[in-house]
Amino acid sequence: MDLQSRKISFVQEFLSIESEELISRFENLLKNKNTTLKNTELNSMTISDLNRRIDQSEDDSNKGRLTEMEDFLSEIEKWN
């Protein structure tokens, strides 16, 4: 089945759903997926931009402006 056929099939199935909760879950899934896609789009950068980022990272490292892995993982646990 090609993508267009799958979309049509999905929409037909979706239209038959009677559960408000299930519709809300699909809405949230779509919203989260669109946000994730927007956040993960890659933008090209020039060589000079890349070198500037590398220089900044090295400077941060040399001056101790780092986050230890354990601290970072602890912070991530607080996100949920």
N, C-alpha and C. Protein backbone atom coordinates (compact mmCIF):
# COMPACT_ATOMS: atom_id res chain seq x y z
N MET A 1 0.86 -1.17 0.00
CA MET A 1 0.00 0.00 0.00
C MET A 1 0.91 1.24 0.00
N ASP A 2 0.64 2.18 -0.88
CA ASP A 2 1.46 3.38 -0.95
C ASP A 2 1.05 4.38 0.14
N LEU A 3 1.84 5.40 0.31
CA LEU A 3 1.61 6.37 1.39
C LEU A 3 0.25 7.05 1.27
N GLN A 4 -0.11 7.46 0.07
CA GLN A 4 -1.39 8.15 -0.12
C GLN A 4 -2.56 7.25 0.27
N SER A 5 -2.50 6.00 -0.09
CA SER A 5 -3.56 5.04 0.26
C SER A 5 -3.61 4.83 1.77
N ARG A 6 -2.46 4.76 2.39
CA ARG A 6 -2.41 4.60 3.85
C ARG A 6 -3.02 5.80 4.55
N LYS A 7 -2.75 7.00 4.05
CA LYS A 7 -3.34 8.21 4.64
C LYS A 7 -4.86 8.19 4.54
N ILE A 8 -5.36 7.84 3.37
CA ILE A 8 -6.81 7.78 3.17
C ILE A 8 -7.43 6.75 4.10
N SER A 9 -6.81 5.60 4.18
CA SER A 9 -7.30 4.55 5.07
C SER A 9 -7.31 5.02 6.53
N PHE A 10 -6.23 5.68 6.92
CA PHE A 10 -6.14 6.19 8.29
C PHE A 10 -7.23 7.20 8.58
N VAL A 11 -7.44 8.13 7.65
CA VAL A 11 -8.47 9.16 7.85
C VAL A 11 -9.85 8.53 7.95
N GLN A 12 -10.13 7.56 7.10
CA GLN A 12 -11.42 6.88 7.17
C GLN A 12 -11.61 6.20 8.52
N GLU A 13 -10.59 5.54 8.99
CA GLU A 13 -10.65 4.88 10.30
C GLU A 13 -10.81 5.93 11.42
N PHE A 14 -10.07 7.01 11.30
CA PHE A 14 -10.12 8.08 12.30
C PHE A 14 -11.52 8.67 12.39
N LEU A 15 -12.17 8.86 11.26
CA LEU A 15 -13.51 9.46 11.25
C LEU A 15 -14.55 8.57 11.92
N SER A 16 -14.26 7.30 12.05
CA SER A 16 -15.21 6.39 12.69
C SER A 16 -15.04 6.33 14.21
N ILE A 17 -14.03 6.98 14.75
CA ILE A 17 -13.78 6.95 16.19
C ILE A 17 -14.84 7.76 16.92
N GLU A 18 -15.39 7.18 17.97
CA GLU A 18 -16.42 7.83 18.77
C GLU A 18 -15.92 8.28 20.14
N SER A 19 -14.72 7.88 20.50
CA SER A 19 -14.18 8.17 21.83
C SER A 19 -13.50 9.54 21.86
N GLU A 20 -14.02 10.41 22.71
CA GLU A 20 -13.44 11.74 22.88
C GLU A 20 -12.01 11.64 23.40
N GLU A 21 -11.78 10.70 24.32
CA GLU A 21 -10.45 10.52 24.88
C GLU A 21 -9.44 10.09 23.81
N LEU A 22 -9.85 9.18 22.96
CA LEU A 22 -8.96 8.71 21.91
C LEU A 22 -8.65 9.83 20.91
N ILE A 23 -9.64 10.64 20.59
CA ILE A 23 -9.41 11.79 19.69
C ILE A 23 -8.41 12.74 20.34
N SER A 24 -8.57 13.00 21.62
CA SER A 24 -7.63 13.89 22.33
C SER A 24 -6.21 13.32 22.31
N ARG A 25 -6.10 12.03 22.46
CA ARG A 25 -4.77 11.40 22.45
C ARG A 25 -4.12 11.54 21.07
N PHE A 26 -4.92 11.36 20.02
CA PHE A 26 -4.40 11.56 18.67
C PHE A 26 -3.98 13.02 18.45
N GLU A 27 -4.79 13.95 18.94
CA GLU A 27 -4.45 15.37 18.81
C GLU A 27 -3.12 15.67 19.50
N ASN A 28 -2.96 15.15 20.71
CA ASN A 28 -1.71 15.37 21.45
C ASN A 28 -0.53 14.72 20.75
N LEU A 29 -0.72 13.53 20.23
CA LEU A 29 0.34 12.84 19.50
C LEU A 29 0.78 13.66 18.29
N LEU A 30 -0.19 14.16 17.55
CA LEU A 30 0.12 14.96 16.36
C LEU A 30 0.81 16.26 16.74
N LYS A 31 0.31 16.91 17.78
CA LYS A 31 0.92 18.17 18.24
C LYS A 31 2.36 17.93 18.68
N ASN A 32 2.59 16.88 19.48
CA ASN A 32 3.94 16.58 19.96
C ASN A 32 4.86 16.20 18.83
N LYS A 33 4.36 15.46 17.86
CA LYS A 33 5.19 15.04 16.73
C LYS A 33 5.58 16.26 15.89
N ASN A 34 4.64 17.18 15.66
CA ASN A 34 4.96 18.38 14.89
C ASN A 34 5.97 19.25 15.61
N THR A 35 5.85 19.36 16.92
CA THR A 35 6.81 20.13 17.71
C THR A 35 8.18 19.48 17.64
N THR A 36 8.21 18.16 17.76
CA THR A 36 9.48 17.43 17.69
C THR A 36 10.14 17.62 16.33
N LEU A 37 9.36 17.53 15.27
CA LEU A 37 9.91 17.70 13.92
C LEU A 37 10.49 19.10 13.75
N LYS A 38 9.79 20.10 14.23
CA LYS A 38 10.29 21.48 14.11
C LYS A 38 11.58 21.66 14.91
N ASN A 39 11.64 21.03 16.06
CA ASN A 39 12.82 21.17 16.92
C ASN A 39 14.03 20.41 16.40
N THR A 40 13.80 19.41 15.57
CA THR A 40 14.92 18.59 15.11
C THR A 40 15.38 18.94 13.70
N GLU A 41 14.73 19.93 13.08
CA GLU A 41 15.19 20.32 11.75
C GLU A 41 16.61 20.85 11.85
N LEU A 42 17.44 20.40 10.93
CA LEU A 42 18.83 20.81 10.96
C LEU A 42 19.03 22.01 10.05
N ASN A 43 19.76 22.95 10.54
CA ASN A 43 20.09 24.12 9.75
C ASN A 43 21.56 24.04 9.37
N SER A 44 21.84 24.39 8.14
CA SER A 44 23.23 24.40 7.68
C SER A 44 23.99 25.50 8.38
N MET A 45 25.27 25.27 8.57
CA MET A 45 26.10 26.32 9.13
C MET A 45 27.38 26.40 8.30
N THR A 46 27.92 27.57 8.31
CA THR A 46 29.17 27.77 7.57
C THR A 46 30.33 27.19 8.35
N ILE A 47 31.45 27.02 7.68
CA ILE A 47 32.67 26.53 8.34
C ILE A 47 33.08 27.52 9.43
N SER A 48 32.93 28.80 9.16
CA SER A 48 33.32 29.78 10.19
C SER A 48 32.41 29.69 11.41
N ASP A 49 31.09 29.43 11.20
CA ASP A 49 30.18 29.23 12.34
C ASP A 49 30.59 28.00 13.14
N LEU A 50 30.91 26.93 12.44
CA LEU A 50 31.34 25.71 13.11
C LEU A 50 32.62 25.95 13.91
N ASN A 51 33.58 26.61 13.31
CA ASN A 51 34.83 26.90 14.01
C ASN A 51 34.60 27.80 15.21
N ARG A 52 33.69 28.76 15.09
CA ARG A 52 33.37 29.63 16.22
C ARG A 52 32.77 28.83 17.37
N ARG A 53 31.89 27.89 17.04
CA ARG A 53 31.30 27.04 18.09
C ARG A 53 32.36 26.15 18.75
N ILE A 54 33.25 25.63 17.96
CA ILE A 54 34.34 24.81 18.51
C ILE A 54 35.21 25.65 19.44
N ASP A 55 35.57 26.85 19.00
CA ASP A 55 36.39 27.74 19.83
C ASP A 55 35.68 28.06 21.14
N GLN A 56 34.37 28.34 21.07
CA GLN A 56 33.60 28.66 22.27
C GLN A 56 33.56 27.46 23.21
N SER A 57 33.39 26.28 22.66
CA SER A 57 33.36 25.06 23.49
C SER A 57 34.69 24.82 24.17
N GLU A 58 35.77 25.01 23.44
CA GLU A 58 37.09 24.84 24.04
C GLU A 58 37.33 25.88 25.14
N ASP A 59 36.90 27.10 24.90
CA ASP A 59 37.04 28.15 25.91
C ASP A 59 36.22 27.81 27.16
N ASP A 60 34.99 27.35 26.96
CA ASP A 60 34.15 26.95 28.10
C ASP A 60 34.83 25.84 28.90
N SER A 61 35.39 24.87 28.19
CA SER A 61 36.06 23.76 28.86
C SER A 61 37.27 24.24 29.64
N ASN A 62 38.09 25.08 29.03
CA ASN A 62 39.29 25.60 29.69
C ASN A 62 38.97 26.43 30.92
N LYS A 63 37.82 27.09 30.92
CA LYS A 63 37.44 27.94 32.05
C LYS A 63 36.52 27.23 33.03
N GLY A 64 36.33 25.93 32.84
CA GLY A 64 35.55 25.15 33.80
C GLY A 64 34.05 25.35 33.70
N ARG A 65 33.58 25.90 32.62
CA ARG A 65 32.14 26.11 32.45
C ARG A 65 31.52 24.84 31.83
N LEU A 66 31.46 23.80 32.67
CA LEU A 66 30.98 22.50 32.24
C LEU A 66 29.92 21.99 33.20
N THR A 67 29.14 21.04 32.75
CA THR A 67 28.19 20.35 33.61
C THR A 67 28.60 18.89 33.67
N GLU A 68 28.80 18.40 34.88
CA GLU A 68 29.17 17.00 35.06
C GLU A 68 28.01 16.11 34.62
N MET A 69 28.32 14.95 34.09
CA MET A 69 27.30 14.04 33.57
C MET A 69 26.29 13.68 34.64
N GLU A 70 26.74 13.41 35.87
CA GLU A 70 25.83 13.04 36.95
C GLU A 70 24.84 14.17 37.24
N ASP A 71 25.34 15.42 37.24
CA ASP A 71 24.47 16.58 37.48
C ASP A 71 23.46 16.72 36.35
N PHE A 72 23.92 16.51 35.12
CA PHE A 72 23.04 16.62 33.97
C PHE A 72 21.95 15.56 34.03
N LEU A 73 22.30 14.32 34.34
CA LEU A 73 21.32 13.25 34.43
C LEU A 73 20.33 13.51 35.55
N SER A 74 20.80 14.05 36.66
CA SER A 74 19.89 14.40 37.77
C SER A 74 18.91 15.47 37.33
N GLU A 75 19.38 16.43 36.57
CA GLU A 75 18.51 17.50 36.07
C GLU A 75 17.46 16.93 35.12
N ILE A 76 17.86 16.01 34.26
CA ILE A 76 16.92 15.40 33.33
C ILE A 76 15.80 14.66 34.07
N GLU A 77 16.16 13.98 35.14
CA GLU A 77 15.15 13.25 35.92
C GLU A 77 14.07 14.18 36.46
N LYS A 78 14.40 15.43 36.71
CA LYS A 78 13.43 16.41 37.22
C LYS A 78 12.47 16.87 36.14
N TRP A 79 12.80 16.67 34.87
CA TRP A 79 11.95 17.13 33.77
C TRP A 79 10.63 16.38 33.72
N ASN A 80 10.62 15.14 34.14
CA ASN A 80 9.40 14.33 34.03
C ASN A 80 8.51 14.59 35.16
